[in-house]
Amino acid sequence: MFGTLSGNADVLLKREIEAQKYLLKVAKKYKLPVEETKKTLKNLKTYEELLKKRQGMR
């Protein structure tokens, strides 16, 4: 995903989370396929979990 997680990993994860949320918000408007929406939801959950774990490590 991001290679070795560094200090910028939190920023990258937050950007990915925002991007996934945006895609879900505009899915109907741009007629994204259901499978794509499912992948987006899965990715969002994964990114949120990773960020939560990283923030818990501090």
PDB file of N, CA and C in Angstrom:
ATOM      1  N   MET A   1       0.835  -1.181   0.000  1.00  0.00           N
ATOM      2  CA  MET A   1       0.000   0.000   0.000  1.00  0.00           C
ATOM      3  C   MET A   1       0.876   1.240   0.000  1.00  0.00           C
ATOM      4  N   PHE A   2       1.570   1.539   1.114  1.00  0.00           N
ATOM      5  CA  PHE A   2       2.404   2.724   1.205  1.00  0.00           C
ATOM      6  C   PHE A   2       3.873   2.370   1.347  1.00  0.00           C
ATOM      7  N   GLY A   3       4.218   1.093   1.215  1.00  0.00           N
ATOM      8  CA  GLY A   3       5.595   0.684   1.465  1.00  0.00           C
ATOM      9  C   GLY A   3       5.842   0.736   2.957  1.00  0.00           C
ATOM     10  N   THR A   4       7.022   1.126   3.344  1.00  0.00           N
ATOM     11  CA  THR A   4       7.344   1.254   4.752  1.00  0.00           C
ATOM     12  C   THR A   4       6.605   2.466   5.320  1.00  0.00           C
ATOM     13  N   LEU A   5       5.888   2.230   6.415  1.00  0.00           N
ATOM     14  CA  LEU A   5       5.152   3.329   7.020  1.00  0.00           C
ATOM     15  C   LEU A   5       6.119   4.270   7.718  1.00  0.00           C
ATOM     16  N   SER A   6       6.043   5.512   7.357  1.00  0.00           N
ATOM     17  CA  SER A   6       6.928   6.513   7.943  1.00  0.00           C
ATOM     18  C   SER A   6       6.093   7.570   8.639  1.00  0.00           C
ATOM     19  N   GLY A   7       6.720   8.677   8.973  1.00  0.00           N
ATOM     20  CA  GLY A   7       6.013   9.771   9.629  1.00  0.00           C
ATOM     21  C   GLY A   7       4.888  10.336   8.791  1.00  0.00           C
ATOM     22  N   ASN A   8       4.987  10.198   7.486  1.00  0.00           N
ATOM     23  CA  ASN A   8       3.950  10.722   6.593  1.00  0.00           C
ATOM     24  C   ASN A   8       2.782   9.760   6.427  1.00  0.00           C
ATOM     25  N   ALA A   9       2.878   8.587   7.012  1.00  0.00           N
ATOM     26  CA  ALA A   9       1.837   7.581   6.819  1.00  0.00           C
ATOM     27  C   ALA A   9       0.479   8.060   7.314  1.00  0.00           C
ATOM     28  N   ASP A  10       0.450   8.759   8.444  1.00  0.00           N
ATOM     29  CA  ASP A  10      -0.822   9.260   8.958  1.00  0.00           C
ATOM     30  C   ASP A  10      -1.469  10.210   7.963  1.00  0.00           C
ATOM     31  N   VAL A  11      -0.673  11.076   7.385  1.00  0.00           N
ATOM     32  CA  VAL A  11      -1.188  12.032   6.397  1.00  0.00           C
ATOM     33  C   VAL A  11      -1.725  11.285   5.181  1.00  0.00           C
ATOM     34  N   LEU A  12      -0.965  10.302   4.719  1.00  0.00           N
ATOM     35  CA  LEU A  12      -1.403   9.519   3.554  1.00  0.00           C
ATOM     36  C   LEU A  12      -2.694   8.765   3.855  1.00  0.00           C
ATOM     37  N   LEU A  13      -2.778   8.171   5.039  1.00  0.00           N
ATOM     38  CA  LEU A  13      -3.991   7.450   5.414  1.00  0.00           C
ATOM     39  C   LEU A  13      -5.188   8.391   5.484  1.00  0.00           C
ATOM     40  N   LYS A  14      -4.989   9.572   6.053  1.00  0.00           N
ATOM     41  CA  LYS A  14      -6.088  10.536   6.141  1.00  0.00           C
ATOM     42  C   LYS A  14      -6.540  10.970   4.747  1.00  0.00           C
ATOM     43  N   ARG A  15      -5.605  11.152   3.842  1.00  0.00           N
ATOM     44  CA  ARG A  15      -5.957  11.518   2.461  1.00  0.00           C
ATOM     45  C   ARG A  15      -6.742  10.404   1.779  1.00  0.00           C
ATOM     46  N   GLU A  16      -6.309   9.174   1.990  1.00  0.00           N
ATOM     47  CA  GLU A  16      -7.018   8.033   1.405  1.00  0.00           C
ATOM     48  C   GLU A  16      -8.429   7.921   1.972  1.00  0.00           C
ATOM     49  N   ILE A  17      -8.566   8.136   3.270  1.00  0.00           N
ATOM     50  CA  ILE A  17      -9.888   8.078   3.900  1.00  0.00           C
ATOM     51  C   ILE A  17     -10.806   9.128   3.287  1.00  0.00           C
ATOM     52  N   GLU A  18     -10.297  10.346   3.138  1.00  0.00           N
ATOM     53  CA  GLU A  18     -11.098  11.411   2.530  1.00  0.00           C
ATOM     54  C   GLU A  18     -11.460  11.073   1.083  1.00  0.00           C
ATOM     55  N   ALA A  19     -10.517  10.502   0.355  1.00  0.00           N
ATOM     56  CA  ALA A  19     -10.780  10.127  -1.046  1.00  0.00           C
ATOM     57  C   ALA A  19     -11.860   9.050  -1.126  1.00  0.00           C
ATOM     58  N   GLN A  20     -11.793   8.069  -0.252  1.00  0.00           N
ATOM     59  CA  GLN A  20     -12.787   6.996  -0.257  1.00  0.00           C
ATOM     60  C   GLN A  20     -14.167   7.545   0.090  1.00  0.00           C
ATOM     61  N   LYS A  21     -14.210   8.440   1.065  1.00  0.00           N
ATOM     62  CA  LYS A  21     -15.490   9.049   1.448  1.00  0.00           C
ATOM     63  C   LYS A  21     -16.076   9.852   0.284  1.00  0.00           C
ATOM     64  N   TYR A  22     -15.209  10.562  -0.428  1.00  0.00           N
ATOM     65  CA  TYR A  22     -15.673  11.333  -1.579  1.00  0.00           C
ATOM     66  C   TYR A  22     -16.255  10.411  -2.653  1.00  0.00           C
ATOM     67  N   LEU A  23     -15.539   9.322  -2.935  1.00  0.00           N
ATOM     68  CA  LEU A  23     -16.043   8.383  -3.944  1.00  0.00           C
ATOM     69  C   LEU A  23     -17.406   7.835  -3.561  1.00  0.00           C
ATOM     70  N   LEU A  24     -17.588   7.526  -2.290  1.00  0.00           N
ATOM     71  CA  LEU A  24     -18.891   7.022  -1.842  1.00  0.00           C
ATOM     72  C   LEU A  24     -19.969   8.093  -1.984  1.00  0.00           C
ATOM     73  N   LYS A  25     -19.596   9.329  -1.721  1.00  0.00           N
ATOM     74  CA  LYS A  25     -20.542  10.441  -1.816  1.00  0.00           C
ATOM     75  C   LYS A  25     -21.033  10.661  -3.252  1.00  0.00           C
ATOM     76  N   VAL A  26     -20.152  10.460  -4.218  1.00  0.00           N
ATOM     77  CA  VAL A  26     -20.512  10.736  -5.618  1.00  0.00           C
ATOM     78  C   VAL A  26     -20.793   9.463  -6.432  1.00  0.00           C
ATOM     79  N   ALA A  27     -20.866   8.336  -5.761  1.00  0.00           N
ATOM     80  CA  ALA A  27     -21.042   7.058  -6.465  1.00  0.00           C
ATOM     81  C   ALA A  27     -22.283   7.053  -7.366  1.00  0.00           C
ATOM     82  N   LYS A  28     -23.391   7.525  -6.835  1.00  0.00           N
ATOM     83  CA  LYS A  28     -24.625   7.543  -7.646  1.00  0.00           C
ATOM     84  C   LYS A  28     -24.512   8.519  -8.802  1.00  0.00           C
ATOM     85  N   LYS A  29     -24.002   9.694  -8.497  1.00  0.00           N
ATOM     86  CA  LYS A  29     -23.887  10.751  -9.511  1.00  0.00           C
ATOM     87  C   LYS A  29     -23.089  10.270 -10.722  1.00  0.00           C
ATOM     88  N   TYR A  30     -21.999   9.562 -10.470  1.00  0.00           N
ATOM     89  CA  TYR A  30     -21.137   9.097 -11.558  1.00  0.00           C
ATOM     90  C   TYR A  30     -21.397   7.638 -11.943  1.00  0.00           C
ATOM     91  N   LYS A  31     -22.462   7.076 -11.378  1.00  0.00           N
ATOM     92  CA  LYS A  31     -22.906   5.720 -11.719  1.00  0.00           C
ATOM     93  C   LYS A  31     -21.784   4.694 -11.585  1.00  0.00           C
ATOM     94  N   LEU A  32     -21.120   4.753 -10.441  1.00  0.00           N
ATOM     95  CA  LEU A  32     -20.059   3.781 -10.180  1.00  0.00           C
ATOM     96  C   LEU A  32     -20.683   2.403  -9.986  1.00  0.00           C
ATOM     97  N   PRO A  33     -20.051   1.366 -10.498  1.00  0.00           N
ATOM     98  CA  PRO A  33     -20.581   0.010 -10.348  1.00  0.00           C
ATOM     99  C   PRO A  33     -20.664  -0.399  -8.872  1.00  0.00           C
ATOM    100  N   VAL A  34     -21.602  -1.271  -8.577  1.00  0.00           N
ATOM    101  CA  VAL A  34     -21.802  -1.748  -7.204  1.00  0.00           C
ATOM    102  C   VAL A  34     -20.526  -2.388  -6.665  1.00  0.00           C
ATOM    103  N   GLU A  35     -19.846  -3.163  -7.498  1.00  0.00           N
ATOM    104  CA  GLU A  35     -18.608  -3.818  -7.050  1.00  0.00           C
ATOM    105  C   GLU A  35     -17.552  -2.789  -6.664  1.00  0.00           C
ATOM    106  N   GLU A  36     -17.486  -1.718  -7.414  1.00  0.00           N
ATOM    107  CA  GLU A  36     -16.524  -0.652  -7.102  1.00  0.00           C
ATOM    108  C   GLU A  36     -16.864   0.010  -5.771  1.00  0.00           C
ATOM    109  N   THR A  37     -18.145   0.211  -5.536  1.00  0.00           N
ATOM    110  CA  THR A  37     -18.591   0.806  -4.279  1.00  0.00           C
ATOM    111  C   THR A  37     -18.268  -0.115  -3.108  1.00  0.00           C
ATOM    112  N   LYS A  38     -18.439  -1.415  -3.302  1.00  0.00           N
ATOM    113  CA  LYS A  38     -18.106  -2.380  -2.250  1.00  0.00           C
ATOM    114  C   LYS A  38     -16.606  -2.343  -1.936  1.00  0.00           C
ATOM    115  N   LYS A  39     -15.783  -2.268  -2.974  1.00  0.00           N
ATOM    116  CA  LYS A  39     -14.331  -2.177  -2.775  1.00  0.00           C
ATOM    117  C   LYS A  39     -13.970  -0.899  -2.030  1.00  0.00           C
ATOM    118  N   THR A  40     -14.642   0.174  -2.393  1.00  0.00           N
ATOM    119  CA  THR A  40     -14.380   1.462  -1.753  1.00  0.00           C
ATOM    120  C   THR A  40     -14.721   1.402  -0.269  1.00  0.00           C
ATOM    121  N   LEU A  41     -15.850   0.797   0.067  1.00  0.00           N
ATOM    122  CA  LEU A  41     -16.236   0.640   1.471  1.00  0.00           C
ATOM    123  C   LEU A  41     -15.211  -0.204   2.235  1.00  0.00           C
ATOM    124  N   LYS A  42     -14.765  -1.274   1.605  1.00  0.00           N
ATOM    125  CA  LYS A  42     -13.768  -2.144   2.230  1.00  0.00           C
ATOM    126  C   LYS A  42     -12.459  -1.388   2.451  1.00  0.00           C
ATOM    127  N   ASN A  43     -12.030  -0.643   1.428  1.00  0.00           N
ATOM    128  CA  ASN A  43     -10.808   0.152   1.548  1.00  0.00           C
ATOM    129  C   ASN A  43     -10.929   1.196   2.651  1.00  0.00           C
ATOM    130  N   LEU A  44     -12.071   1.856   2.712  1.00  0.00           N
ATOM    131  CA  LEU A  44     -12.293   2.874   3.739  1.00  0.00           C
ATOM    132  C   LEU A  44     -12.143   2.263   5.129  1.00  0.00           C
ATOM    133  N   LYS A  45     -12.768   1.130   5.331  1.00  0.00           N
ATOM    134  CA  LYS A  45     -12.682   0.460   6.629  1.00  0.00           C
ATOM    135  C   LYS A  45     -11.229   0.093   6.956  1.00  0.00           C
ATOM    136  N   THR A  46     -10.514  -0.421   5.971  1.00  0.00           N
ATOM    137  CA  THR A  46      -9.117  -0.805   6.165  1.00  0.00           C
ATOM    138  C   THR A  46      -8.265   0.398   6.537  1.00  0.00           C
ATOM    139  N   TYR A  47      -8.408   1.494   5.794  1.00  0.00           N
ATOM    140  CA  TYR A  47      -7.620   2.698   6.063  1.00  0.00           C
ATOM    141  C   TYR A  47      -7.940   3.265   7.446  1.00  0.00           C
ATOM    142  N   GLU A  48      -9.224   3.269   7.814  1.00  0.00           N
ATOM    143  CA  GLU A  48      -9.599   3.784   9.129  1.00  0.00           C
ATOM    144  C   GLU A  48      -9.017   2.926  10.250  1.00  0.00           C
ATOM    145  N   GLU A  49      -9.017   1.612  10.058  1.00  0.00           N
ATOM    146  CA  GLU A  49      -8.440   0.721  11.058  1.00  0.00           C
ATOM    147  C   GLU A  49      -6.931   0.925  11.175  1.00  0.00           C
ATOM    148  N   LEU A  50      -6.259   1.058  10.041  1.00  0.00           N
ATOM    149  CA  LEU A  50      -4.814   1.301  10.059  1.00  0.00           C
ATOM    150  C   LEU A  50      -4.479   2.608  10.783  1.00  0.00           C
ATOM    151  N   LEU A  51      -5.233   3.647  10.500  1.00  0.00           N
ATOM    152  CA  LEU A  51      -4.985   4.936  11.135  1.00  0.00           C
ATOM    153  C   LEU A  51      -5.221   4.832  12.648  1.00  0.00           C
ATOM    154  N   LYS A  52      -6.278   4.157  13.019  1.00  0.00           N
ATOM    155  CA  LYS A  52      -6.583   3.985  14.444  1.00  0.00           C
ATOM    156  C   LYS A  52      -5.464   3.235  15.163  1.00  0.00           C
ATOM    157  N   LYS A  53      -4.952   2.176  14.532  1.00  0.00           N
ATOM    158  CA  LYS A  53      -3.853   1.413  15.113  1.00  0.00           C
ATOM    159  C   LYS A  53      -2.606   2.281  15.254  1.00  0.00           C
ATOM    160  N   ARG A  54      -2.300   3.038  14.215  1.00  0.00           N
ATOM    161  CA  ARG A  54      -1.112   3.892  14.243  1.00  0.00           C
ATOM    162  C   ARG A  54      -1.224   4.951  15.330  1.00  0.00           C
ATOM    163  N   GLN A  55      -2.399   5.516  15.496  1.00  0.00           N
ATOM    164  CA  GLN A  55      -2.585   6.545  16.500  1.00  0.00           C
ATOM    165  C   GLN A  55      -2.552   5.952  17.910  1.00  0.00           C
ATOM    166  N   GLY A  56      -2.918   4.686  18.031  1.00  0.00           N
ATOM    167  CA  GLY A  56      -2.861   4.007  19.320  1.00  0.00           C
ATOM    168  C   GLY A  56      -1.445   3.640  19.726  1.00  0.00           C
ATOM    169  N   MET A  57      -0.536   3.631  18.760  1.00  0.00           N
ATOM    170  CA  MET A  57       0.859   3.268  19.022  1.00  0.00           C
ATOM    171  C   MET A  57       1.617   4.404  19.696  1.00  0.00           C
ATOM    172  N   ARG A  58       1.036   5.565  19.745  1.00  0.00           N
ATOM    173  CA  ARG A  58       1.744   6.731  20.305  1.00  0.00           C
ATOM    174  C   ARG A  58       1.572   6.826  21.779  1.00  0.00           C
TER     175      ARG A  58
END
